[in-house]
Every structure is written in structure tokens, then in C-alpha cells.
Amino acid sequence: MKESQKSVLIIDDDSRNIFALKATLVSLGYTCYTALTAQEGIDILLNNKGIKIVLMDMMMPEMDGYEAINIIRNNDKISFLPIIAVTAQAMVGDREKCLKAGADDYVSKPINVDELLGKLNKY
């Protein structure tokens, strides 16, 4: 699948992060959907079959990324979607914790665009 055909859902409670990430990805030919809460993101996934990958902020109020990934993985309609965990908590063990929670991959903030594109192109 070509990059221009990829649709990405960005779930992040910080609108500045969404703005920067969306601007970058759109300029590279991606279609981006956005959600400011995990629940909003899950609702978007359930109602939009075109999304191919999820960028999930792990630290959000109300429902964090760990809980959201668990819900996605336990829903047959969307459990197959690749999820890249995005976190500012780049401490030892965070990557493993995200992968154990069900994420397919992991990037830390501030996001290295080349690293992210490499991960997006795997899916």
C-alpha cells in the first residue's frame, strides 16, 4: 500500500501535538483523523473502516492509552489494527510496557519524523 493511501488516526489529548503531527503526515500524503480522547478515538475506529493505523498517546486523562489499547484489542471489529504507542515517558521499560499492553510499536516524544515514517511504512 502506498503512503498516500494510508489513513492514520492520531489520538492525543494535546491539540498542539495533534496539529504538528497531522501537518507533517498530511504533507507526506497521509489522510489523518484525530481524537482528543481515547473514547472519541475508539468511536472513530468503530465508525470508519478506512483507518489503517493508530498513533496512541499513552498518557491521557480519563482513559489512558493502555486502557484504550486493551479495549481495541478486545473488539473483533478493530482488534487487527496496528497501534503505535506515542509517549513522552521515555524511561527504561516503557517500550516493553507498551508492547505488553498490545501496541505493535513505540515512539517517544518529541517524535523523530524519520523514525515514525519508518514504523508507519511497516504496516
C-alpha atoms as a PDB file:
ATOM      1  CA  MET A   1       0.000   0.000   0.000  1.00  0.00           C
ATOM      2  CA  LYS A   2       1.372   3.408  -0.930  1.00  0.00           C
ATOM      3  CA  GLU A   3       1.764   6.101   1.731  1.00  0.00           C
ATOM      4  CA  SER A   4      -0.846   8.255   0.003  1.00  0.00           C
ATOM      5  CA  GLN A   5      -3.406   5.506   0.569  1.00  0.00           C
ATOM      6  CA  LYS A   6      -2.740   5.260   4.296  1.00  0.00           C
ATOM      7  CA  SER A   7      -5.221   6.661   6.759  1.00  0.00           C
ATOM      8  CA  VAL A   8      -3.942   7.327  10.266  1.00  0.00           C
ATOM      9  CA  LEU A   9      -5.875   8.049  13.459  1.00  0.00           C
ATOM     10  CA  ILE A  10      -3.974  10.274  15.901  1.00  0.00           C
ATOM     11  CA  ILE A  11      -5.263  10.026  19.479  1.00  0.00           C
ATOM     12  CA  ASP A  12      -3.688  12.640  21.768  1.00  0.00           C
ATOM     13  CA  ASP A  13      -5.143  14.890  24.464  1.00  0.00           C
ATOM     14  CA  ASP A  14      -2.836  17.776  23.456  1.00  0.00           C
ATOM     15  CA  SER A  15      -4.162  19.613  20.402  1.00  0.00           C
ATOM     16  CA  ARG A  16      -0.679  21.058  19.706  1.00  0.00           C
ATOM     17  CA  ASN A  17       0.735  17.556  19.322  1.00  0.00           C
ATOM     18  CA  ILE A  18      -2.129  16.626  17.003  1.00  0.00           C
ATOM     19  CA  PHE A  19      -1.638  19.801  14.944  1.00  0.00           C
ATOM     20  CA  ALA A  20       2.097  19.237  14.432  1.00  0.00           C
ATOM     21  CA  LEU A  21       1.818  15.526  13.716  1.00  0.00           C
ATOM     22  CA  LYS A  22      -1.167  15.922  11.394  1.00  0.00           C
ATOM     23  CA  ALA A  23       0.524  18.741   9.452  1.00  0.00           C
ATOM     24  CA  THR A  24       3.619  16.604   8.960  1.00  0.00           C
ATOM     25  CA  LEU A  25       1.750  13.466   7.901  1.00  0.00           C
ATOM     26  CA  VAL A  26      -0.698  15.278   5.604  1.00  0.00           C
ATOM     27  CA  SER A  27       2.252  16.955   3.847  1.00  0.00           C
ATOM     28  CA  LEU A  28       3.593  13.449   3.190  1.00  0.00           C
ATOM     29  CA  GLY A  29       0.324  12.232   1.659  1.00  0.00           C
ATOM     30  CA  TYR A  30      -1.362  10.609   4.640  1.00  0.00           C
ATOM     31  CA  THR A  31      -5.034  11.061   5.453  1.00  0.00           C
ATOM     32  CA  CYS A  32      -5.345  11.902   9.156  1.00  0.00           C
ATOM     33  CA  TYR A  33      -8.219  11.554  11.565  1.00  0.00           C
ATOM     34  CA  THR A  34      -7.834  12.968  15.060  1.00  0.00           C
ATOM     35  CA  ALA A  35      -9.284  12.454  18.524  1.00  0.00           C
ATOM     36  CA  LEU A  36      -8.618  14.352  21.755  1.00  0.00           C
ATOM     37  CA  THR A  37      -9.760  11.470  23.985  1.00  0.00           C
ATOM     38  CA  ALA A  38      -9.311   7.718  23.862  1.00  0.00           C
ATOM     39  CA  GLN A  39     -13.066   7.146  23.827  1.00  0.00           C
ATOM     40  CA  GLU A  40     -13.502   9.522  20.885  1.00  0.00           C
ATOM     41  CA  GLY A  41     -10.730   7.625  19.076  1.00  0.00           C
ATOM     42  CA  ILE A  42     -12.377   4.262  19.708  1.00  0.00           C
ATOM     43  CA  ASP A  43     -15.682   5.650  18.420  1.00  0.00           C
ATOM     44  CA  ILE A  44     -13.953   6.907  15.257  1.00  0.00           C
ATOM     45  CA  LEU A  45     -12.369   3.469  14.704  1.00  0.00           C
ATOM     46  CA  LEU A  46     -15.706   1.715  15.099  1.00  0.00           C
ATOM     47  CA  ASN A  47     -17.360   4.051  12.595  1.00  0.00           C
ATOM     48  CA  ASN A  48     -14.618   4.346   9.962  1.00  0.00           C
ATOM     49  CA  LYS A  49     -13.366   1.268   8.171  1.00  0.00           C
ATOM     50  CA  GLY A  50     -10.752   3.240   6.207  1.00  0.00           C
ATOM     51  CA  ILE A  51      -8.289   3.808   9.048  1.00  0.00           C
ATOM     52  CA  LYS A  52      -5.200   1.627   8.664  1.00  0.00           C
ATOM     53  CA  ILE A  53      -3.095   2.522  11.727  1.00  0.00           C
ATOM     54  CA  VAL A  54      -3.426   4.235  15.121  1.00  0.00           C
ATOM     55  CA  LEU A  55      -0.964   6.581  16.817  1.00  0.00           C
ATOM     56  CA  MET A  56      -1.913   6.334  20.501  1.00  0.00           C
ATOM     57  CA  ASP A  57      -0.771   8.796  23.150  1.00  0.00           C
ATOM     58  CA  MET A  58      -0.267   6.716  26.276  1.00  0.00           C
ATOM     59  CA  MET A  59      -0.704   9.426  28.917  1.00  0.00           C
ATOM     60  CA  MET A  60      -4.194  10.911  28.752  1.00  0.00           C
ATOM     61  CA  PRO A  61      -6.752  11.827  31.404  1.00  0.00           C
ATOM     62  CA  GLU A  62      -9.954   9.794  31.869  1.00  0.00           C
ATOM     63  CA  MET A  63      -8.834   6.807  29.760  1.00  0.00           C
ATOM     64  CA  ASP A  64      -5.124   6.348  29.102  1.00  0.00           C
ATOM     65  CA  GLY A  65      -3.563   4.635  26.111  1.00  0.00           C
ATOM     66  CA  TYR A  66      -3.068   1.361  27.970  1.00  0.00           C
ATOM     67  CA  GLU A  67      -6.774   1.057  28.713  1.00  0.00           C
ATOM     68  CA  ALA A  68      -7.705   2.174  25.187  1.00  0.00           C
ATOM     69  CA  ILE A  69      -5.394  -0.418  23.604  1.00  0.00           C
ATOM     70  CA  ASN A  70      -6.984  -3.096  25.774  1.00  0.00           C
ATOM     71  CA  ILE A  71     -10.460  -2.079  24.577  1.00  0.00           C
ATOM     72  CA  ILE A  72      -9.340  -2.036  20.919  1.00  0.00           C
ATOM     73  CA  ARG A  73      -7.632  -5.426  21.194  1.00  0.00           C
ATOM     74  CA  ASN A  74     -10.780  -6.932  22.708  1.00  0.00           C
ATOM     75  CA  ASN A  75     -13.125  -5.649  19.975  1.00  0.00           C
ATOM     76  CA  ASP A  76     -13.265  -8.001  16.966  1.00  0.00           C
ATOM     77  CA  LYS A  77     -14.155  -5.127  14.612  1.00  0.00           C
ATOM     78  CA  ILE A  78     -10.919  -3.225  15.251  1.00  0.00           C
ATOM     79  CA  SER A  79      -8.556  -5.586  17.114  1.00  0.00           C
ATOM     80  CA  PHE A  80      -6.407  -6.179  13.999  1.00  0.00           C
ATOM     81  CA  LEU A  81      -5.374  -2.525  13.591  1.00  0.00           C
ATOM     82  CA  PRO A  82      -1.687  -1.733  14.094  1.00  0.00           C
ATOM     83  CA  ILE A  83      -1.150   0.615  17.052  1.00  0.00           C
ATOM     84  CA  ILE A  84       1.983   2.685  17.581  1.00  0.00           C
ATOM     85  CA  ALA A  85       2.276   3.886  21.172  1.00  0.00           C
ATOM     86  CA  VAL A  86       3.423   7.514  21.486  1.00  0.00           C
ATOM     87  CA  THR A  87       4.720   8.665  24.843  1.00  0.00           C
ATOM     88  CA  ALA A  88       6.755  11.387  26.455  1.00  0.00           C
ATOM     89  CA  GLN A  89       7.643   8.884  29.174  1.00  0.00           C
ATOM     90  CA  ALA A  90      10.813   7.632  27.519  1.00  0.00           C
ATOM     91  CA  MET A  91      12.057   5.778  30.569  1.00  0.00           C
ATOM     92  CA  VAL A  92      13.594   2.327  30.812  1.00  0.00           C
ATOM     93  CA  GLY A  93      10.894  -0.296  30.421  1.00  0.00           C
ATOM     94  CA  ASP A  94       8.298   1.987  28.768  1.00  0.00           C
ATOM     95  CA  ARG A  95       8.675   0.417  25.340  1.00  0.00           C
ATOM     96  CA  GLU A  96       8.233  -3.061  26.803  1.00  0.00           C
ATOM     97  CA  LYS A  97       5.243  -1.926  28.869  1.00  0.00           C
ATOM     98  CA  CYS A  98       3.539  -0.501  25.757  1.00  0.00           C
ATOM     99  CA  LEU A  99       4.223  -3.627  23.706  1.00  0.00           C
ATOM    100  CA  LYS A 100       2.999  -5.857  26.530  1.00  0.00           C
ATOM    101  CA  ALA A 101      -0.210  -3.778  26.650  1.00  0.00           C
ATOM    102  CA  GLY A 102      -0.849  -4.646  22.995  1.00  0.00           C
ATOM    103  CA  ALA A 103       0.865  -1.899  20.995  1.00  0.00           C
ATOM    104  CA  ASP A 104       2.624  -3.049  17.831  1.00  0.00           C
ATOM    105  CA  ASP A 105       5.374  -0.456  18.073  1.00  0.00           C
ATOM    106  CA  TYR A 106       6.557   2.538  20.085  1.00  0.00           C
ATOM    107  CA  VAL A 107       7.906   6.054  19.542  1.00  0.00           C
ATOM    108  CA  SER A 108       8.838   8.627  22.142  1.00  0.00           C
ATOM    109  CA  LYS A 109       8.165  12.379  22.123  1.00  0.00           C
ATOM    110  CA  PRO A 110       9.479  14.579  20.726  1.00  0.00           C
ATOM    111  CA  ILE A 111       8.771  12.440  17.684  1.00  0.00           C
ATOM    112  CA  ASN A 112      11.567  11.840  15.220  1.00  0.00           C
ATOM    113  CA  VAL A 113       9.658  12.054  11.913  1.00  0.00           C
ATOM    114  CA  ASP A 114      12.036   9.749  10.031  1.00  0.00           C
ATOM    115  CA  GLU A 115      11.723   7.113  12.772  1.00  0.00           C
ATOM    116  CA  LEU A 116       7.920   7.430  12.761  1.00  0.00           C
ATOM    117  CA  LEU A 117       7.734   7.124   8.959  1.00  0.00           C
ATOM    118  CA  GLY A 118       9.856   4.000   9.103  1.00  0.00           C
ATOM    119  CA  LYS A 119       7.422   2.492  11.588  1.00  0.00           C
ATOM    120  CA  LEU A 120       4.335   3.606   9.628  1.00  0.00           C
ATOM    121  CA  ASN A 121       5.719   2.050   6.459  1.00  0.00           C
ATOM    122  CA  LYS A 122       5.963  -1.361   8.170  1.00  0.00           C
ATOM    123  CA  TYR A 123       2.157  -1.603   8.334  1.00  0.00           C
END
